[in-house]
Amino acid sequence: MGCLFSFFSYFFGPSDHSDIIEQPPPRPVYSWERADRIAIKKEDFILDKLKDQTIFRLPGSVNGQQFIIQNCENCTVYVFDHTGQVQIDDCINCKIFIGPVHGSIFIRDSINCVLATICQQFRTRDCRDTYVYLSCISQPIIESSHNIKFGCLTFNYQQLADQYKSADISPWNNNWGHIHDFTTIPDGKNYSLLDKDENIFKHLPVPTDPSCSHLNIKDDIDTSVTPYTYGEIYRNRTEEVRFNQFHYE
């Protein structure tokens, strides 16, 4: 058998596979090149230069994308969906609700606004006279801002619990009242904490639009996805607390 292979090798020579042409690897197809990709409209994710309007984004309409609100005046905005990151700039007299934000929410250069949101990081700069109802994993940060009033967000609608999970946020981890101020002032604080009675819907109306009727929005603390916590409201109060210890044999 060995002689037979030697015979063919002698006459035809060893095979070097030179006749085989190496094919290049297939070119990757990126998401923006796919024929079946979902078209993204800029106006669905950027609200710019709006005045005296009420805008809704219902569950599934944002789906983890970045969302921007800028140069708006006297507007009410409800984003009942989870987002990746949110920027709010140069807004005046606006009332805004933003569902769970996987990353950060920044509000800058805005005056006399109401903001309610759930996020991993919150930061405001150059703002004044603003209410913030918050559920935030990390320590909220303010900078060059004045008269910012923080409250614990208590809110619920049908899809909110699932949106917490989509944004990788736990409702049990809320540091809404542990504010870090980069620009403290000697005669007082640039912010204050709201009492439990300062309900969010005193400043942000419950939407009555028929498109929101299926959301089953609830404004009471007992049904809130985020449990109410007191933050630092009572830290400096000198109230007498008595503990009774019982021993049974």
C-alpha atoms as a PDB file:
ATOM      1  CA  MET A   1       0.000   0.000   0.000  1.00  0.00           C
ATOM      2  CA  GLY A   2       2.853   2.329   0.867  1.00  0.00           C
ATOM      3  CA  CYS A   3       4.476   1.694  -2.545  1.00  0.00           C
ATOM      4  CA  LEU A   4       1.252   2.625  -4.332  1.00  0.00           C
ATOM      5  CA  PHE A   5       1.129   6.073  -2.635  1.00  0.00           C
ATOM      6  CA  SER A   6       4.823   6.560  -3.415  1.00  0.00           C
ATOM      7  CA  PHE A   7       4.090   5.766  -7.100  1.00  0.00           C
ATOM      8  CA  PHE A   8       1.434   8.527  -7.369  1.00  0.00           C
ATOM      9  CA  SER A   9       3.573  10.937  -5.407  1.00  0.00           C
ATOM     10  CA  TYR A  10       6.512  10.314  -7.737  1.00  0.00           C
ATOM     11  CA  PHE A  11       4.565  11.053 -10.961  1.00  0.00           C
ATOM     12  CA  PHE A  12       2.167  13.741  -9.731  1.00  0.00           C
ATOM     13  CA  GLY A  13       4.203  15.272  -6.934  1.00  0.00           C
ATOM     14  CA  PRO A  14       3.001  16.178  -3.444  1.00  0.00           C
ATOM     15  CA  SER A  15      -0.276  18.114  -3.155  1.00  0.00           C
ATOM     16  CA  ASP A  16       0.253  21.711  -1.972  1.00  0.00           C
ATOM     17  CA  HIS A  17      -3.440  22.699  -2.305  1.00  0.00           C
ATOM     18  CA  SER A  18      -2.388  25.645  -4.454  1.00  0.00           C
ATOM     19  CA  ASP A  19      -5.542  25.262  -6.521  1.00  0.00           C
ATOM     20  CA  ILE A  20      -7.772  26.074  -3.517  1.00  0.00           C
ATOM     21  CA  ILE A  21      -8.643  29.793  -3.269  1.00  0.00           C
ATOM     22  CA  GLU A  22      -9.194  30.978   0.282  1.00  0.00           C
ATOM     23  CA  GLN A  23     -12.491  32.837   0.614  1.00  0.00           C
ATOM     24  CA  PRO A  24     -12.569  35.991   2.774  1.00  0.00           C
ATOM     25  CA  PRO A  25     -14.843  35.925   5.837  1.00  0.00           C
ATOM     26  CA  PRO A  26     -18.342  37.285   5.254  1.00  0.00           C
ATOM     27  CA  ARG A  27     -18.762  41.022   5.881  1.00  0.00           C
ATOM     28  CA  PRO A  28     -20.713  41.763   9.058  1.00  0.00           C
ATOM     29  CA  VAL A  29     -24.149  43.315   8.666  1.00  0.00           C
ATOM     30  CA  TYR A  30     -24.695  46.174  11.113  1.00  0.00           C
ATOM     31  CA  SER A  31     -28.019  46.963  12.738  1.00  0.00           C
ATOM     32  CA  TRP A  32     -28.469  50.190  10.790  1.00  0.00           C
ATOM     33  CA  GLU A  33     -28.013  48.287   7.513  1.00  0.00           C
ATOM     34  CA  ARG A  34     -30.667  45.676   8.178  1.00  0.00           C
ATOM     35  CA  ALA A  35     -33.644  45.830   5.867  1.00  0.00           C
ATOM     36  CA  ASP A  36     -35.973  44.911   8.727  1.00  0.00           C
ATOM     37  CA  ARG A  37     -34.735  47.516  11.196  1.00  0.00           C
ATOM     38  CA  ILE A  38     -37.264  49.816  12.818  1.00  0.00           C
ATOM     39  CA  ALA A  39     -37.170  53.362  11.502  1.00  0.00           C
ATOM     40  CA  ILE A  40     -36.435  55.906  14.256  1.00  0.00           C
ATOM     41  CA  LYS A  41     -37.992  59.347  13.940  1.00  0.00           C
ATOM     42  CA  LYS A  42     -36.052  62.173  15.518  1.00  0.00           C
ATOM     43  CA  GLU A  43     -39.191  63.981  16.654  1.00  0.00           C
ATOM     44  CA  ASP A  44     -40.244  60.946  18.709  1.00  0.00           C
ATOM     45  CA  PHE A  45     -37.221  61.328  20.986  1.00  0.00           C
ATOM     46  CA  ILE A  46     -36.476  65.077  20.900  1.00  0.00           C
ATOM     47  CA  LEU A  47     -38.934  67.739  22.087  1.00  0.00           C
ATOM     48  CA  ASP A  48     -37.590  71.109  20.980  1.00  0.00           C
ATOM     49  CA  LYS A  49     -39.015  74.628  21.027  1.00  0.00           C
ATOM     50  CA  LEU A  50     -42.523  73.614  22.088  1.00  0.00           C
ATOM     51  CA  LYS A  51     -44.906  75.967  23.889  1.00  0.00           C
ATOM     52  CA  ASP A  52     -48.229  75.454  25.655  1.00  0.00           C
ATOM     53  CA  GLN A  53     -48.499  71.784  24.702  1.00  0.00           C
ATOM     54  CA  THR A  54     -49.188  68.483  26.458  1.00  0.00           C
ATOM     55  CA  ILE A  55     -47.116  65.600  25.116  1.00  0.00           C
ATOM     56  CA  PHE A  56     -47.455  61.883  25.823  1.00  0.00           C
ATOM     57  CA  ARG A  57     -45.077  58.999  25.191  1.00  0.00           C
ATOM     58  CA  LEU A  58     -46.856  55.751  26.004  1.00  0.00           C
ATOM     59  CA  PRO A  59     -45.281  52.410  27.044  1.00  0.00           C
ATOM     60  CA  GLY A  60     -43.198  50.901  24.235  1.00  0.00           C
ATOM     61  CA  SER A  61     -42.774  54.172  22.340  1.00  0.00           C
ATOM     62  CA  VAL A  62     -39.293  55.029  23.677  1.00  0.00           C
ATOM     63  CA  ASN A  63     -38.116  51.557  24.681  1.00  0.00           C
ATOM     64  CA  GLY A  64     -34.758  52.409  26.255  1.00  0.00           C
ATOM     65  CA  GLN A  65     -33.642  55.110  23.810  1.00  0.00           C
ATOM     66  CA  GLN A  66     -32.163  58.482  24.773  1.00  0.00           C
ATOM     67  CA  PHE A  67     -34.732  61.267  25.261  1.00  0.00           C
ATOM     68  CA  ILE A  68     -34.181  65.034  25.035  1.00  0.00           C
ATOM     69  CA  ILE A  69     -36.390  67.952  26.103  1.00  0.00           C
ATOM     70  CA  GLN A  70     -35.073  71.420  25.313  1.00  0.00           C
ATOM     71  CA  ASN A  71     -36.201  75.036  24.844  1.00  0.00           C
ATOM     72  CA  CYS A  72     -39.777  74.283  25.913  1.00  0.00           C
ATOM     73  CA  GLU A  73     -42.138  76.644  27.736  1.00  0.00           C
ATOM     74  CA  ASN A  74     -45.421  76.008  29.578  1.00  0.00           C
ATOM     75  CA  CYS A  75     -45.477  72.364  28.482  1.00  0.00           C
ATOM     76  CA  THR A  76     -46.571  69.205  30.276  1.00  0.00           C
ATOM     77  CA  VAL A  77     -44.681  66.065  29.255  1.00  0.00           C
ATOM     78  CA  TYR A  78     -45.435  62.480  30.274  1.00  0.00           C
ATOM     79  CA  VAL A  79     -42.990  59.729  29.273  1.00  0.00           C
ATOM     80  CA  PHE A  80     -44.619  56.506  30.462  1.00  0.00           C
ATOM     81  CA  ASP A  81     -41.732  54.323  29.290  1.00  0.00           C
ATOM     82  CA  HIS A  82     -38.175  53.411  30.247  1.00  0.00           C
ATOM     83  CA  THR A  83     -35.302  55.359  28.675  1.00  0.00           C
ATOM     84  CA  GLY A  84     -31.525  55.083  28.402  1.00  0.00           C
ATOM     85  CA  GLN A  85     -30.584  58.669  29.280  1.00  0.00           C
ATOM     86  CA  VAL A  86     -32.480  61.954  29.539  1.00  0.00           C
ATOM     87  CA  GLN A  87     -31.404  65.565  29.028  1.00  0.00           C
ATOM     88  CA  ILE A  88     -33.586  68.557  29.900  1.00  0.00           C
ATOM     89  CA  ASP A  89     -32.233  71.971  28.941  1.00  0.00           C
ATOM     90  CA  ASP A  90     -33.511  75.549  28.937  1.00  0.00           C
ATOM     91  CA  CYS A  91     -37.097  74.823  29.947  1.00  0.00           C
ATOM     92  CA  ILE A  92     -39.446  77.317  31.630  1.00  0.00           C
ATOM     93  CA  ASN A  93     -42.666  76.535  33.549  1.00  0.00           C
ATOM     94  CA  CYS A  94     -42.728  72.906  32.409  1.00  0.00           C
ATOM     95  CA  LYS A  95     -44.135  69.861  34.214  1.00  0.00           C
ATOM     96  CA  ILE A  96     -42.416  66.621  33.309  1.00  0.00           C
ATOM     97  CA  PHE A  97     -42.769  62.972  34.247  1.00  0.00           C
ATOM     98  CA  ILE A  98     -40.068  60.560  33.042  1.00  0.00           C
ATOM     99  CA  GLY A  99     -40.336  56.798  33.575  1.00  0.00           C
ATOM    100  CA  PRO A 100     -37.344  54.696  34.724  1.00  0.00           C
ATOM    101  CA  VAL A 101     -34.020  55.904  33.285  1.00  0.00           C
ATOM    102  CA  HIS A 102     -31.324  53.236  32.948  1.00  0.00           C
ATOM    103  CA  GLY A 103     -28.551  55.846  33.158  1.00  0.00           C
ATOM    104  CA  SER A 104     -28.496  59.529  34.068  1.00  0.00           C
ATOM    105  CA  ILE A 105     -30.956  62.378  33.888  1.00  0.00           C
ATOM    106  CA  PHE A 106     -29.579  65.923  33.591  1.00  0.00           C
ATOM    107  CA  ILE A 107     -31.652  69.086  33.970  1.00  0.00           C
ATOM    108  CA  ARG A 108     -29.865  72.346  33.189  1.00  0.00           C
ATOM    109  CA  ASP A 109     -30.654  76.030  32.829  1.00  0.00           C
ATOM    110  CA  SER A 110     -34.327  75.544  33.672  1.00  0.00           C
ATOM    111  CA  ILE A 111     -36.681  77.706  35.760  1.00  0.00           C
ATOM    112  CA  ASN A 112     -39.895  77.059  37.686  1.00  0.00           C
ATOM    113  CA  CYS A 113     -40.360  73.456  36.596  1.00  0.00           C
ATOM    114  CA  VAL A 114     -41.752  70.277  38.122  1.00  0.00           C
ATOM    115  CA  LEU A 115     -39.867  67.051  37.416  1.00  0.00           C
ATOM    116  CA  ALA A 116     -40.808  63.550  38.550  1.00  0.00           C
ATOM    117  CA  THR A 117     -38.520  60.686  37.587  1.00  0.00           C
ATOM    118  CA  ILE A 118     -36.893  57.355  38.428  1.00  0.00           C
ATOM    119  CA  CYS A 119     -33.202  57.046  37.583  1.00  0.00           C
ATOM    120  CA  GLN A 120     -29.796  55.667  38.444  1.00  0.00           C
ATOM    121  CA  GLN A 121     -28.186  59.123  38.570  1.00  0.00           C
ATOM    122  CA  PHE A 122     -29.672  62.618  38.882  1.00  0.00           C
ATOM    123  CA  ARG A 123     -27.924  65.923  38.332  1.00  0.00           C
ATOM    124  CA  THR A 124     -29.067  69.517  37.982  1.00  0.00           C
ATOM    125  CA  ARG A 125     -27.076  72.633  37.114  1.00  0.00           C
ATOM    126  CA  ASP A 126     -28.030  76.288  36.846  1.00  0.00           C
ATOM    127  CA  CYS A 127     -31.662  75.699  37.787  1.00  0.00           C
ATOM    128  CA  ARG A 128     -33.947  77.488  40.222  1.00  0.00           C
ATOM    129  CA  ASP A 129     -37.425  77.323  41.736  1.00  0.00           C
ATOM    130  CA  THR A 130     -38.014  73.705  40.756  1.00  0.00           C
ATOM    131  CA  TYR A 131     -39.818  70.751  42.363  1.00  0.00           C
ATOM    132  CA  VAL A 132     -38.153  67.352  41.939  1.00  0.00           C
ATOM    133  CA  TYR A 133     -39.960  64.130  42.905  1.00  0.00           C
ATOM    134  CA  LEU A 134     -37.348  61.444  42.765  1.00  0.00           C
ATOM    135  CA  SER A 135     -36.479  57.792  43.055  1.00  0.00           C
ATOM    136  CA  CYS A 136     -32.720  57.610  42.573  1.00  0.00           C
ATOM    137  CA  ILE A 137     -30.193  54.847  43.216  1.00  0.00           C
ATOM    138  CA  SER A 138     -27.196  57.179  43.702  1.00  0.00           C
ATOM    139  CA  GLN A 139     -26.844  60.449  45.579  1.00  0.00           C
ATOM    140  CA  PRO A 140     -28.607  63.278  43.687  1.00  0.00           C
ATOM    141  CA  ILE A 141     -26.312  66.170  42.761  1.00  0.00           C
ATOM    142  CA  ILE A 142     -27.093  69.855  42.380  1.00  0.00           C
ATOM    143  CA  GLU A 143     -24.715  72.543  41.154  1.00  0.00           C
ATOM    144  CA  SER A 144     -25.151  76.302  40.828  1.00  0.00           C
ATOM    145  CA  SER A 145     -28.844  75.871  41.562  1.00  0.00           C
ATOM    146  CA  HIS A 146     -31.212  77.576  44.001  1.00  0.00           C
ATOM    147  CA  ASN A 147     -34.529  76.748  45.673  1.00  0.00           C
ATOM    148  CA  ILE A 148     -34.731  73.140  44.494  1.00  0.00           C
ATOM    149  CA  LYS A 149     -37.346  71.186  46.451  1.00  0.00           C
ATOM    150  CA  PHE A 150     -36.946  67.411  46.599  1.00  0.00           C
ATOM    151  CA  GLY A 151     -39.644  64.871  47.425  1.00  0.00           C
ATOM    152  CA  CYS A 152     -39.915  61.095  47.426  1.00  0.00           C
ATOM    153  CA  LEU A 153     -41.623  59.874  44.267  1.00  0.00           C
ATOM    154  CA  THR A 154     -44.752  57.844  44.957  1.00  0.00           C
ATOM    155  CA  PHE A 155     -46.343  56.780  41.711  1.00  0.00           C
ATOM    156  CA  ASN A 156     -47.843  53.803  39.971  1.00  0.00           C
ATOM    157  CA  TYR A 157     -49.242  52.763  36.632  1.00  0.00           C
ATOM    158  CA  GLN A 158     -49.794  49.393  35.070  1.00  0.00           C
ATOM    159  CA  GLN A 159     -46.417  48.923  33.334  1.00  0.00           C
ATOM    160  CA  LEU A 160     -44.195  50.718  35.834  1.00  0.00           C
ATOM    161  CA  ALA A 161     -42.940  47.677  37.787  1.00  0.00           C
ATOM    162  CA  ASP A 162     -41.765  45.977  34.575  1.00  0.00           C
ATOM    163  CA  GLN A 163     -40.098  49.200  33.424  1.00  0.00           C
ATOM    164  CA  TYR A 164     -38.111  49.314  36.680  1.00  0.00           C
ATOM    165  CA  LYS A 165     -36.702  45.911  35.719  1.00  0.00           C
ATOM    166  CA  SER A 166     -35.972  46.974  32.138  1.00  0.00           C
ATOM    167  CA  ALA A 167     -33.967  49.937  33.463  1.00  0.00           C
ATOM    168  CA  ASP A 168     -32.172  47.719  36.001  1.00  0.00           C
ATOM    169  CA  ILE A 169     -33.444  49.779  38.943  1.00  0.00           C
ATOM    170  CA  SER A 170     -34.661  48.504  42.293  1.00  0.00           C
ATOM    171  CA  PRO A 171     -37.544  50.451  43.878  1.00  0.00           C
ATOM    172  CA  TRP A 172     -36.078  49.565  47.289  1.00  0.00           C
ATOM    173  CA  ASN A 173     -32.884  51.555  46.683  1.00  0.00           C
ATOM    174  CA  ASN A 174     -33.872  55.208  46.842  1.00  0.00           C
ATOM    175  CA  ASN A 175     -31.566  58.040  47.938  1.00  0.00           C
ATOM    176  CA  TRP A 176     -33.888  60.894  46.979  1.00  0.00           C
ATOM    177  CA  GLY A 177     -33.168  62.878  50.150  1.00  0.00           C
ATOM    178  CA  HIS A 178     -29.364  62.492  50.378  1.00  0.00           C
ATOM    179  CA  ILE A 179     -28.472  65.526  48.267  1.00  0.00           C
ATOM    180  CA  HIS A 180     -24.924  66.550  47.423  1.00  0.00           C
ATOM    181  CA  ASP A 181     -24.556  70.271  46.691  1.00  0.00           C
ATOM    182  CA  PHE A 182     -21.377  71.248  44.851  1.00  0.00           C
ATOM    183  CA  THR A 183     -21.999  74.968  45.462  1.00  0.00           C
ATOM    184  CA  THR A 184     -23.088  75.387  49.052  1.00  0.00           C
ATOM    185  CA  ILE A 185     -23.900  78.861  50.365  1.00  0.00           C
ATOM    186  CA  PRO A 186     -23.017  80.129  53.861  1.00  0.00           C
ATOM    187  CA  ASP A 187     -26.492  81.417  54.807  1.00  0.00           C
ATOM    188  CA  GLY A 188     -28.490  78.309  53.989  1.00  0.00           C
ATOM    189  CA  LYS A 189     -29.146  75.464  51.607  1.00  0.00           C
ATOM    190  CA  ASN A 190     -29.860  75.666  47.922  1.00  0.00           C
ATOM    191  CA  TYR A 191     -32.400  72.887  48.377  1.00  0.00           C
ATOM    192  CA  SER A 192     -35.047  71.643  50.789  1.00  0.00           C
ATOM    193  CA  LEU A 193     -36.881  68.359  51.395  1.00  0.00           C
ATOM    194  CA  LEU A 194     -40.635  68.077  51.067  1.00  0.00           C
ATOM    195  CA  ASP A 195     -42.831  66.497  53.716  1.00  0.00           C
ATOM    196  CA  LYS A 196     -44.958  63.443  53.080  1.00  0.00           C
ATOM    197  CA  ASP A 197     -48.077  65.581  52.613  1.00  0.00           C
ATOM    198  CA  GLU A 198     -46.557  67.308  49.574  1.00  0.00           C
ATOM    199  CA  ASN A 199     -47.999  64.826  47.107  1.00  0.00           C
ATOM    200  CA  ILE A 200     -46.635  64.844  43.568  1.00  0.00           C
ATOM    201  CA  PHE A 201     -50.054  65.489  42.063  1.00  0.00           C
ATOM    202  CA  LYS A 202     -50.295  68.808  43.856  1.00  0.00           C
ATOM    203  CA  HIS A 203     -47.825  70.012  41.251  1.00  0.00           C
ATOM    204  CA  LEU A 204     -48.160  67.507  38.387  1.00  0.00           C
ATOM    205  CA  PRO A 205     -51.722  66.838  37.204  1.00  0.00           C
ATOM    206  CA  VAL A 206     -53.005  63.334  36.570  1.00  0.00           C
ATOM    207  CA  PRO A 207     -53.425  63.037  32.783  1.00  0.00           C
ATOM    208  CA  THR A 208     -57.032  62.846  31.662  1.00  0.00           C
ATOM    209  CA  ASP A 209     -56.348  62.185  27.989  1.00  0.00           C
ATOM    210  CA  PRO A 210     -58.207  59.065  26.723  1.00  0.00           C
ATOM    211  CA  SER A 211     -54.939  57.613  25.408  1.00  0.00           C
ATOM    212  CA  CYS A 212     -53.780  57.196  29.026  1.00  0.00           C
ATOM    213  CA  SER A 213     -56.920  55.607  30.432  1.00  0.00           C
ATOM    214  CA  HIS A 214     -55.541  52.058  30.150  1.00  0.00           C
ATOM    215  CA  LEU A 215     -52.484  52.931  32.287  1.00  0.00           C
ATOM    216  CA  ASN A 216     -54.510  52.856  35.514  1.00  0.00           C
ATOM    217  CA  ILE A 217     -52.475  55.668  37.077  1.00  0.00           C
ATOM    218  CA  LYS A 218     -52.577  55.804  40.881  1.00  0.00           C
ATOM    219  CA  ASP A 219     -51.338  58.603  43.083  1.00  0.00           C
ATOM    220  CA  ASP A 220     -51.601  57.148  46.583  1.00  0.00           C
ATOM    221  CA  ILE A 221     -48.667  56.007  48.675  1.00  0.00           C
ATOM    222  CA  ASP A 222     -50.152  52.606  49.492  1.00  0.00           C
ATOM    223  CA  THR A 223     -50.072  51.438  45.854  1.00  0.00           C
ATOM    224  CA  SER A 224     -46.807  53.130  44.868  1.00  0.00           C
ATOM    225  CA  VAL A 225     -44.146  50.910  43.281  1.00  0.00           C
ATOM    226  CA  THR A 226     -41.536  52.953  45.160  1.00  0.00           C
ATOM    227  CA  PRO A 227     -42.029  52.747  48.947  1.00  0.00           C
ATOM    228  CA  TYR A 228     -42.148  56.112  50.677  1.00  0.00           C
ATOM    229  CA  THR A 229     -39.002  56.924  52.671  1.00  0.00           C
ATOM    230  CA  TYR A 230     -38.297  59.983  54.791  1.00  0.00           C
ATOM    231  CA  GLY A 231     -34.727  60.650  53.657  1.00  0.00           C
ATOM    232  CA  GLU A 232     -33.074  63.173  55.955  1.00  0.00           C
ATOM    233  CA  ILE A 233     -36.264  65.029  56.850  1.00  0.00           C
ATOM    234  CA  TYR A 234     -36.276  63.835  60.464  1.00  0.00           C
ATOM    235  CA  ARG A 235     -32.551  63.498  60.990  1.00  0.00           C
ATOM    236  CA  ASN A 236     -32.194  66.804  62.839  1.00  0.00           C
ATOM    237  CA  ARG A 237     -35.461  66.659  64.746  1.00  0.00           C
ATOM    238  CA  THR A 238     -35.197  66.116  68.502  1.00  0.00           C
ATOM    239  CA  GLU A 239     -38.245  64.014  69.175  1.00  0.00           C
ATOM    240  CA  GLU A 240     -38.408  61.679  72.135  1.00  0.00           C
ATOM    241  CA  VAL A 241     -38.480  58.034  71.166  1.00  0.00           C
ATOM    242  CA  ARG A 242     -39.284  55.314  73.715  1.00  0.00           C
ATOM    243  CA  PHE A 243     -38.551  51.612  73.340  1.00  0.00           C
ATOM    244  CA  ASN A 244     -40.171  48.948  75.493  1.00  0.00           C
ATOM    245  CA  GLN A 245     -38.394  45.655  75.963  1.00  0.00           C
ATOM    246  CA  PHE A 246     -40.273  42.586  77.190  1.00  0.00           C
ATOM    247  CA  HIS A 247     -38.808  39.397  78.527  1.00  0.00           C
ATOM    248  CA  TYR A 248     -40.701  36.127  78.656  1.00  0.00           C
ATOM    249  CA  GLU A 249     -39.618  33.005  80.465  1.00  0.00           C
END
